Amino acid sequence: MSNSLVADFDLIDFLRLLTDRCVGMLDVSAAGVLLANRDGELRVMAASDERVRLLELFQLQNDEGPCLQCFHHGTAVAVPDLSTVAHRWPRFVAEARRSGFEAVQALPMRLRDEVVGALNLFRARPGPFDPVGTPVAQALADVATISLLQQRSTVRSSVLNEQLQTALNSRVLIEQAKGKLAERHDIDMEQAFTALRGYARSHNRRLSDLARAFIDGTEPLTDLVFRTH
């Protein structure tokens, strides 16, 4: 992940790499990242799969869930068994279990004393979270937070907010491009994102720039490679 932190790194691609690494390294089924915009409103920035993206959106729309609590309080939240907190977050718990998840762990993404987002880990079975894996996950969240800064110790929060807002705007473009690709090629959103991301990497392009070019029709992307599940 640290190798991705070049001067002009692609934040969206980096955060997706973070979620993929969490799933690959930790005992979790899926992962997502929420970041706050300049007004302090959380937005979904990355998810390891479409189920998590939709569940994170559901949390935000219904204003309940452990990931929101983690962000607002700035502390980690671990729920080893979602069935035990149905009274606390009834809509979120019901939706999470419908999506195939039985446990959630949310870790804060901090910039000094300011919480800028949350890294959220989902597991398909209930049970306590690995005491060794948790500090590893928090370390990954810390690396991701540092990655939001072009200069780790000198960038002020106002500059960070501009970076976050740019990334949030890029996320909208990428979602639009995913939808257009999915409809055109009759594939799901995850396949569309994987194809778009693969094309951007193989052609040394930023995801947001490629998404914008595809949406406005200046780049048809006729040679995309689609992977089946």
C-alpha atoms as a PDB file:
ATOM      1  CA  MET A   1       0.000   0.000   0.000  1.00  0.00           C
ATOM      2  CA  SER A   2       2.784   2.420   0.854  1.00  0.00           C
ATOM      3  CA  ASN A   3       4.183   1.937  -2.654  1.00  0.00           C
ATOM      4  CA  SER A   4       1.002   3.607  -3.943  1.00  0.00           C
ATOM      5  CA  LEU A   5       1.749   6.831  -2.068  1.00  0.00           C
ATOM      6  CA  VAL A   6       3.395   8.730  -4.907  1.00  0.00           C
ATOM      7  CA  ALA A   7       2.977  12.477  -5.367  1.00  0.00           C
ATOM      8  CA  ASP A   8      -0.125  12.156  -7.537  1.00  0.00           C
ATOM      9  CA  PHE A   9      -1.621   8.873  -6.352  1.00  0.00           C
ATOM     10  CA  ASP A  10      -5.191   7.908  -7.208  1.00  0.00           C
ATOM     11  CA  LEU A  11      -7.089   8.108  -3.910  1.00  0.00           C
ATOM     12  CA  ILE A  12     -10.117   6.118  -5.072  1.00  0.00           C
ATOM     13  CA  ASP A  13      -7.971   3.269  -6.350  1.00  0.00           C
ATOM     14  CA  PHE A  14      -5.869   3.399  -3.181  1.00  0.00           C
ATOM     15  CA  LEU A  15      -8.902   3.112  -0.906  1.00  0.00           C
ATOM     16  CA  ARG A  16     -10.244   0.195  -2.925  1.00  0.00           C
ATOM     17  CA  LEU A  17      -6.822  -1.428  -2.524  1.00  0.00           C
ATOM     18  CA  LEU A  18      -7.183  -0.885   1.222  1.00  0.00           C
ATOM     19  CA  THR A  19     -10.501  -2.758   1.327  1.00  0.00           C
ATOM     20  CA  ASP A  20      -9.099  -5.567  -0.818  1.00  0.00           C
ATOM     21  CA  ARG A  21      -6.049  -5.910   1.425  1.00  0.00           C
ATOM     22  CA  CYS A  22      -8.231  -6.061   4.534  1.00  0.00           C
ATOM     23  CA  VAL A  23     -10.232  -8.937   3.075  1.00  0.00           C
ATOM     24  CA  GLY A  24      -7.053 -10.682   1.937  1.00  0.00           C
ATOM     25  CA  MET A  25      -5.095 -10.274   5.188  1.00  0.00           C
ATOM     26  CA  LEU A  26      -7.713 -10.332   7.937  1.00  0.00           C
ATOM     27  CA  ASP A  27     -10.418 -12.739   9.014  1.00  0.00           C
ATOM     28  CA  VAL A  28     -13.201 -10.687   7.432  1.00  0.00           C
ATOM     29  CA  SER A  29     -15.575 -11.221   4.521  1.00  0.00           C
ATOM     30  CA  ALA A  30     -15.756  -7.641   3.236  1.00  0.00           C
ATOM     31  CA  ALA A  31     -14.615  -4.087   3.973  1.00  0.00           C
ATOM     32  CA  GLY A  32     -15.709  -0.533   3.277  1.00  0.00           C
ATOM     33  CA  VAL A  33     -14.424   3.009   3.769  1.00  0.00           C
ATOM     34  CA  LEU A  34     -16.478   6.060   4.714  1.00  0.00           C
ATOM     35  CA  LEU A  35     -14.969   9.553   4.499  1.00  0.00           C
ATOM     36  CA  ALA A  36     -16.363  12.919   5.544  1.00  0.00           C
ATOM     37  CA  ASN A  37     -16.720  15.794   3.101  1.00  0.00           C
ATOM     38  CA  ARG A  38     -15.964  19.424   3.959  1.00  0.00           C
ATOM     39  CA  ASP A  39     -19.342  19.714   5.698  1.00  0.00           C
ATOM     40  CA  GLY A  40     -18.650  16.705   7.894  1.00  0.00           C
ATOM     41  CA  GLU A  41     -21.106  14.479   6.032  1.00  0.00           C
ATOM     42  CA  LEU A  42     -20.021  10.893   5.478  1.00  0.00           C
ATOM     43  CA  ARG A  43     -19.822   9.408   1.994  1.00  0.00           C
ATOM     44  CA  VAL A  44     -19.036   5.896   0.772  1.00  0.00           C
ATOM     45  CA  MET A  45     -15.577   6.022  -0.814  1.00  0.00           C
ATOM     46  CA  ALA A  46     -14.651   2.370  -1.309  1.00  0.00           C
ATOM     47  CA  ALA A  47     -16.025  -1.117  -0.781  1.00  0.00           C
ATOM     48  CA  SER A  48     -14.615  -4.561  -1.432  1.00  0.00           C
ATOM     49  CA  ASP A  49     -17.859  -5.613  -3.093  1.00  0.00           C
ATOM     50  CA  GLU A  50     -21.249  -4.262  -4.085  1.00  0.00           C
ATOM     51  CA  ARG A  51     -23.047  -5.711  -1.039  1.00  0.00           C
ATOM     52  CA  VAL A  52     -20.925  -3.593   1.275  1.00  0.00           C
ATOM     53  CA  ARG A  53     -21.312  -0.448  -0.829  1.00  0.00           C
ATOM     54  CA  LEU A  54     -25.093  -0.758  -0.664  1.00  0.00           C
ATOM     55  CA  LEU A  55     -25.022  -1.554   3.062  1.00  0.00           C
ATOM     56  CA  GLU A  56     -22.832   1.473   3.766  1.00  0.00           C
ATOM     57  CA  LEU A  57     -25.250   3.636   1.785  1.00  0.00           C
ATOM     58  CA  PHE A  58     -28.096   2.138   3.805  1.00  0.00           C
ATOM     59  CA  GLN A  59     -26.345   3.163   7.036  1.00  0.00           C
ATOM     60  CA  LEU A  60     -25.978   6.729   5.839  1.00  0.00           C
ATOM     61  CA  GLN A  61     -29.526   6.990   4.543  1.00  0.00           C
ATOM     62  CA  ASN A  62     -30.974   5.648   7.792  1.00  0.00           C
ATOM     63  CA  ASP A  63     -28.470   7.428  10.046  1.00  0.00           C
ATOM     64  CA  GLU A  64     -27.780   4.384  12.204  1.00  0.00           C
ATOM     65  CA  GLY A  65     -25.107   1.748  12.544  1.00  0.00           C
ATOM     66  CA  PRO A  66     -21.741   1.014  14.185  1.00  0.00           C
ATOM     67  CA  CYS A  67     -19.753   2.738  11.443  1.00  0.00           C
ATOM     68  CA  LEU A  68     -21.517   6.038  12.090  1.00  0.00           C
ATOM     69  CA  GLN A  69     -20.961   5.670  15.827  1.00  0.00           C
ATOM     70  CA  CYS A  70     -17.269   5.026  15.204  1.00  0.00           C
ATOM     71  CA  PHE A  71     -16.963   8.205  13.155  1.00  0.00           C
ATOM     72  CA  HIS A  72     -18.937  10.451  15.495  1.00  0.00           C
ATOM     73  CA  HIS A  73     -17.192   9.247  18.682  1.00  0.00           C
ATOM     74  CA  GLY A  74     -13.753   8.647  17.165  1.00  0.00           C
ATOM     75  CA  THR A  75     -13.412   5.237  18.802  1.00  0.00           C
ATOM     76  CA  ALA A  76     -13.425   1.680  17.498  1.00  0.00           C
ATOM     77  CA  VAL A  77     -16.712  -0.205  17.607  1.00  0.00           C
ATOM     78  CA  ALA A  78     -16.794  -4.020  17.592  1.00  0.00           C
ATOM     79  CA  VAL A  79     -20.026  -5.976  17.259  1.00  0.00           C
ATOM     80  CA  PRO A  80     -19.168  -9.708  17.327  1.00  0.00           C
ATOM     81  CA  ASP A  81     -22.816 -10.702  16.935  1.00  0.00           C
ATOM     82  CA  LEU A  82     -25.255  -8.347  15.237  1.00  0.00           C
ATOM     83  CA  SER A  83     -28.255 -10.186  16.639  1.00  0.00           C
ATOM     84  CA  THR A  84     -27.373  -8.815  20.092  1.00  0.00           C
ATOM     85  CA  VAL A  85     -27.700  -5.169  19.015  1.00  0.00           C
ATOM     86  CA  ALA A  86     -30.904  -5.357  16.976  1.00  0.00           C
ATOM     87  CA  HIS A  87     -32.603  -3.115  19.554  1.00  0.00           C
ATOM     88  CA  ARG A  88     -29.928  -0.472  19.067  1.00  0.00           C
ATOM     89  CA  TRP A  89     -29.775  -0.323  15.269  1.00  0.00           C
ATOM     90  CA  PRO A  90     -32.843  -2.296  14.129  1.00  0.00           C
ATOM     91  CA  ARG A  91     -32.853  -1.235  10.477  1.00  0.00           C
ATOM     92  CA  PHE A  92     -29.113  -1.607  10.012  1.00  0.00           C
ATOM     93  CA  VAL A  93     -28.948  -5.014  11.700  1.00  0.00           C
ATOM     94  CA  ALA A  94     -31.818  -6.361   9.612  1.00  0.00           C
ATOM     95  CA  GLU A  95     -30.244  -5.092   6.382  1.00  0.00           C
ATOM     96  CA  ALA A  96     -26.751  -6.323   7.300  1.00  0.00           C
ATOM     97  CA  ARG A  97     -28.033  -9.820   8.046  1.00  0.00           C
ATOM     98  CA  ARG A  98     -30.028  -9.841   4.817  1.00  0.00           C
ATOM     99  CA  SER A  99     -26.757  -9.002   3.066  1.00  0.00           C
ATOM    100  CA  GLY A 100     -25.067 -12.007   4.659  1.00  0.00           C
ATOM    101  CA  PHE A 101     -23.156 -10.353   7.513  1.00  0.00           C
ATOM    102  CA  GLU A 102     -23.320 -11.324  11.183  1.00  0.00           C
ATOM    103  CA  ALA A 103     -20.476  -9.264  12.709  1.00  0.00           C
ATOM    104  CA  VAL A 104     -19.071  -5.756  12.155  1.00  0.00           C
ATOM    105  CA  GLN A 105     -15.988  -3.899  13.316  1.00  0.00           C
ATOM    106  CA  ALA A 106     -15.530  -0.173  12.630  1.00  0.00           C
ATOM    107  CA  LEU A 107     -12.155   1.562  13.090  1.00  0.00           C
ATOM    108  CA  PRO A 108     -11.623   5.336  13.116  1.00  0.00           C
ATOM    109  CA  MET A 109      -9.481   7.108  10.519  1.00  0.00           C
ATOM    110  CA  ARG A 110      -7.827   9.966  12.380  1.00  0.00           C
ATOM    111  CA  LEU A 111      -5.885  13.041  11.404  1.00  0.00           C
ATOM    112  CA  ARG A 112      -4.368  14.235  14.667  1.00  0.00           C
ATOM    113  CA  ASP A 113      -7.482  14.929  16.774  1.00  0.00           C
ATOM    114  CA  GLU A 114      -9.815  15.038  13.792  1.00  0.00           C
ATOM    115  CA  VAL A 115     -11.656  11.925  12.613  1.00  0.00           C
ATOM    116  CA  VAL A 116     -11.896  11.987   8.826  1.00  0.00           C
ATOM    117  CA  GLY A 117     -13.655   8.668   8.261  1.00  0.00           C
ATOM    118  CA  ALA A 118     -13.993   5.032   9.236  1.00  0.00           C
ATOM    119  CA  LEU A 119     -12.697   1.678   7.998  1.00  0.00           C
ATOM    120  CA  ASN A 120     -15.453  -0.894   8.355  1.00  0.00           C
ATOM    121  CA  LEU A 121     -14.944  -4.666   8.433  1.00  0.00           C
ATOM    122  CA  PHE A 122     -17.764  -7.166   7.946  1.00  0.00           C
ATOM    123  CA  ARG A 123     -17.819 -10.878   8.685  1.00  0.00           C
ATOM    124  CA  ALA A 124     -20.281 -13.554   7.555  1.00  0.00           C
ATOM    125  CA  ARG A 125     -20.271 -15.408  10.872  1.00  0.00           C
ATOM    126  CA  PRO A 126     -20.632 -14.207  14.484  1.00  0.00           C
ATOM    127  CA  GLY A 127     -17.822 -14.437  17.003  1.00  0.00           C
ATOM    128  CA  PRO A 128     -15.107 -12.293  18.603  1.00  0.00           C
ATOM    129  CA  PHE A 129     -12.712 -10.411  16.376  1.00  0.00           C
ATOM    130  CA  ASP A 130      -9.104 -11.548  16.238  1.00  0.00           C
ATOM    131  CA  PRO A 131      -7.093  -9.621  18.902  1.00  0.00           C
ATOM    132  CA  VAL A 132      -4.057  -9.814  16.607  1.00  0.00           C
ATOM    133  CA  GLY A 133      -5.929  -8.745  13.484  1.00  0.00           C
ATOM    134  CA  THR A 134      -7.517  -5.687  15.094  1.00  0.00           C
ATOM    135  CA  PRO A 135      -4.276  -3.687  15.541  1.00  0.00           C
ATOM    136  CA  VAL A 136      -3.268  -4.710  12.019  1.00  0.00           C
ATOM    137  CA  ALA A 137      -6.566  -3.346  10.706  1.00  0.00           C
ATOM    138  CA  GLN A 138      -6.094  -0.131  12.670  1.00  0.00           C
ATOM    139  CA  ALA A 139      -2.593   0.205  11.232  1.00  0.00           C
ATOM    140  CA  LEU A 140      -4.038  -0.100   7.730  1.00  0.00           C
ATOM    141  CA  ALA A 141      -6.604   2.564   8.604  1.00  0.00           C
ATOM    142  CA  ASP A 142      -3.791   4.798   9.852  1.00  0.00           C
ATOM    143  CA  VAL A 143      -1.832   4.299   6.617  1.00  0.00           C
ATOM    144  CA  ALA A 144      -4.936   5.197   4.636  1.00  0.00           C
ATOM    145  CA  THR A 145      -5.416   8.353   6.710  1.00  0.00           C
ATOM    146  CA  ILE A 146      -1.815   9.378   6.082  1.00  0.00           C
ATOM    147  CA  SER A 147      -2.347   8.721   2.387  1.00  0.00           C
ATOM    148  CA  LEU A 148      -4.914  11.528   2.310  1.00  0.00           C
ATOM    149  CA  LEU A 149      -2.060  13.971   2.822  1.00  0.00           C
ATOM    150  CA  GLN A 150       0.336  14.985   0.078  1.00  0.00           C
ATOM    151  CA  GLN A 151       2.787  16.046   2.770  1.00  0.00           C
ATOM    152  CA  ARG A 152       2.262  14.143   5.977  1.00  0.00           C
ATOM    153  CA  SER A 153       3.201  16.761   8.542  1.00  0.00           C
ATOM    154  CA  THR A 154       2.709  20.053   6.703  1.00  0.00           C
ATOM    155  CA  VAL A 155      -0.652  19.854   4.980  1.00  0.00           C
ATOM    156  CA  ARG A 156      -3.293  21.775   6.877  1.00  0.00           C
ATOM    157  CA  SER A 157      -6.837  20.514   7.453  1.00  0.00           C
ATOM    158  CA  SER A 158      -8.214  22.999   4.908  1.00  0.00           C
ATOM    159  CA  VAL A 159      -6.087  21.393   2.206  1.00  0.00           C
ATOM    160  CA  LEU A 160      -7.171  17.967   3.401  1.00  0.00           C
ATOM    161  CA  ASN A 161     -10.801  19.003   3.069  1.00  0.00           C
ATOM    162  CA  GLU A 162     -10.164  20.071  -0.525  1.00  0.00           C
ATOM    163  CA  GLN A 163      -8.532  16.716  -1.243  1.00  0.00           C
ATOM    164  CA  LEU A 164     -11.441  14.856   0.303  1.00  0.00           C
ATOM    165  CA  GLN A 165     -13.986  16.876  -1.648  1.00  0.00           C
ATOM    166  CA  THR A 166     -12.124  16.190  -4.898  1.00  0.00           C
ATOM    167  CA  ALA A 167     -12.113  12.486  -4.066  1.00  0.00           C
ATOM    168  CA  LEU A 168     -15.824  12.559  -3.268  1.00  0.00           C
ATOM    169  CA  ASN A 169     -16.558  14.211  -6.601  1.00  0.00           C
ATOM    170  CA  SER A 170     -14.424  11.574  -8.324  1.00  0.00           C
ATOM    171  CA  ARG A 171     -16.407   8.841  -6.579  1.00  0.00           C
ATOM    172  CA  VAL A 172     -19.612  10.181  -8.178  1.00  0.00           C
ATOM    173  CA  LEU A 173     -18.036  10.059 -11.650  1.00  0.00           C
ATOM    174  CA  ILE A 174     -16.832   6.505 -11.113  1.00  0.00           C
ATOM    175  CA  GLU A 175     -20.271   5.353  -9.947  1.00  0.00           C
ATOM    176  CA  GLN A 176     -21.831   6.901 -13.053  1.00  0.00           C
ATOM    177  CA  ALA A 177     -19.299   5.185 -15.306  1.00  0.00           C
ATOM    178  CA  LYS A 178     -19.894   1.853 -13.542  1.00  0.00           C
ATOM    179  CA  GLY A 179     -23.621   2.172 -14.124  1.00  0.00           C
ATOM    180  CA  LYS A 180     -23.185   3.044 -17.778  1.00  0.00           C
ATOM    181  CA  LEU A 181     -20.787   0.127 -18.315  1.00  0.00           C
ATOM    182  CA  ALA A 182     -23.027  -2.305 -16.463  1.00  0.00           C
ATOM    183  CA  GLU A 183     -26.042  -1.340 -18.540  1.00  0.00           C
ATOM    184  CA  ARG A 184     -24.189  -1.353 -21.858  1.00  0.00           C
ATOM    185  CA  HIS A 185     -22.550  -4.761 -21.353  1.00  0.00           C
ATOM    186  CA  ASP A 186     -25.266  -6.400 -19.214  1.00  0.00           C
ATOM    187  CA  ILE A 187     -22.918  -7.050 -16.287  1.00  0.00           C
ATOM    188  CA  ASP A 188     -23.081  -6.286 -12.566  1.00  0.00           C
ATOM    189  CA  MET A 189     -21.581  -3.208 -10.939  1.00  0.00           C
ATOM    190  CA  GLU A 190     -18.640  -5.079  -9.423  1.00  0.00           C
ATOM    191  CA  GLN A 191     -17.592  -6.473 -12.818  1.00  0.00           C
ATOM    192  CA  ALA A 192     -17.923  -2.983 -14.283  1.00  0.00           C
ATOM    193  CA  PHE A 193     -15.671  -1.486 -11.605  1.00  0.00           C
ATOM    194  CA  THR A 194     -13.070  -4.238 -11.957  1.00  0.00           C
ATOM    195  CA  ALA A 195     -12.940  -3.721 -15.725  1.00  0.00           C
ATOM    196  CA  LEU A 196     -12.682   0.060 -15.377  1.00  0.00           C
ATOM    197  CA  ARG A 197      -9.993  -0.201 -12.733  1.00  0.00           C
ATOM    198  CA  GLY A 198      -8.008  -2.735 -14.778  1.00  0.00           C
ATOM    199  CA  TYR A 199      -8.130  -0.509 -17.853  1.00  0.00           C
ATOM    200  CA  ALA A 200      -6.990   2.536 -15.852  1.00  0.00           C
ATOM    201  CA  ARG A 201      -4.028   0.635 -14.415  1.00  0.00           C
ATOM    202  CA  SER A 202      -2.947  -0.951 -17.706  1.00  0.00           C
ATOM    203  CA  HIS A 203      -3.094   2.446 -19.465  1.00  0.00           C
ATOM    204  CA  ASN A 204      -1.586   4.415 -16.547  1.00  0.00           C
ATOM    205  CA  ARG A 205      -4.719   6.536 -16.171  1.00  0.00           C
ATOM    206  CA  ARG A 206      -6.471   7.946 -13.133  1.00  0.00           C
ATOM    207  CA  LEU A 207      -9.799   6.264 -12.473  1.00  0.00           C
ATOM    208  CA  SER A 208     -11.692   9.542 -12.236  1.00  0.00           C
ATOM    209  CA  ASP A 209     -10.211  10.898 -15.486  1.00  0.00           C
ATOM    210  CA  LEU A 210     -11.069   7.677 -17.297  1.00  0.00           C
ATOM    211  CA  ALA A 211     -14.592   7.672 -15.864  1.00  0.00           C
ATOM    212  CA  ARG A 212     -15.149  11.270 -16.980  1.00  0.00           C
ATOM    213  CA  ALA A 213     -13.885  10.521 -20.500  1.00  0.00           C
ATOM    214  CA  PHE A 214     -16.151   7.487 -20.768  1.00  0.00           C
ATOM    215  CA  ILE A 215     -19.210   9.380 -19.531  1.00  0.00           C
ATOM    216  CA  ASP A 216     -18.745  12.307 -21.933  1.00  0.00           C
ATOM    217  CA  GLY A 217     -18.084   9.916 -24.842  1.00  0.00           C
ATOM    218  CA  THR A 218     -14.501  10.919 -25.640  1.00  0.00           C
ATOM    219  CA  GLU A 219     -13.181   7.457 -24.719  1.00  0.00           C
ATOM    220  CA  PRO A 220     -15.422   4.517 -25.744  1.00  0.00           C
ATOM    221  CA  LEU A 221     -13.400   1.847 -23.883  1.00  0.00           C
ATOM    222  CA  THR A 222     -14.006  -0.776 -26.532  1.00  0.00           C
ATOM    223  CA  ASP A 223     -11.212  -3.098 -25.354  1.00  0.00           C
ATOM    224  CA  LEU A 224     -12.226  -3.563 -21.724  1.00  0.00           C
ATOM    225  CA  VAL A 225     -11.635  -6.970 -20.163  1.00  0.00           C
ATOM    226  CA  PHE A 226     -14.545  -8.323 -18.140  1.00  0.00           C
ATOM    227  CA  ARG A 227     -14.061 -11.014 -15.518  1.00  0.00           C
ATOM    228  CA  THR A 228     -16.762 -13.458 -14.559  1.00  0.00           C
ATOM    229  CA  HIS A 229     -17.427 -14.306 -10.914  1.00  0.00           C
END
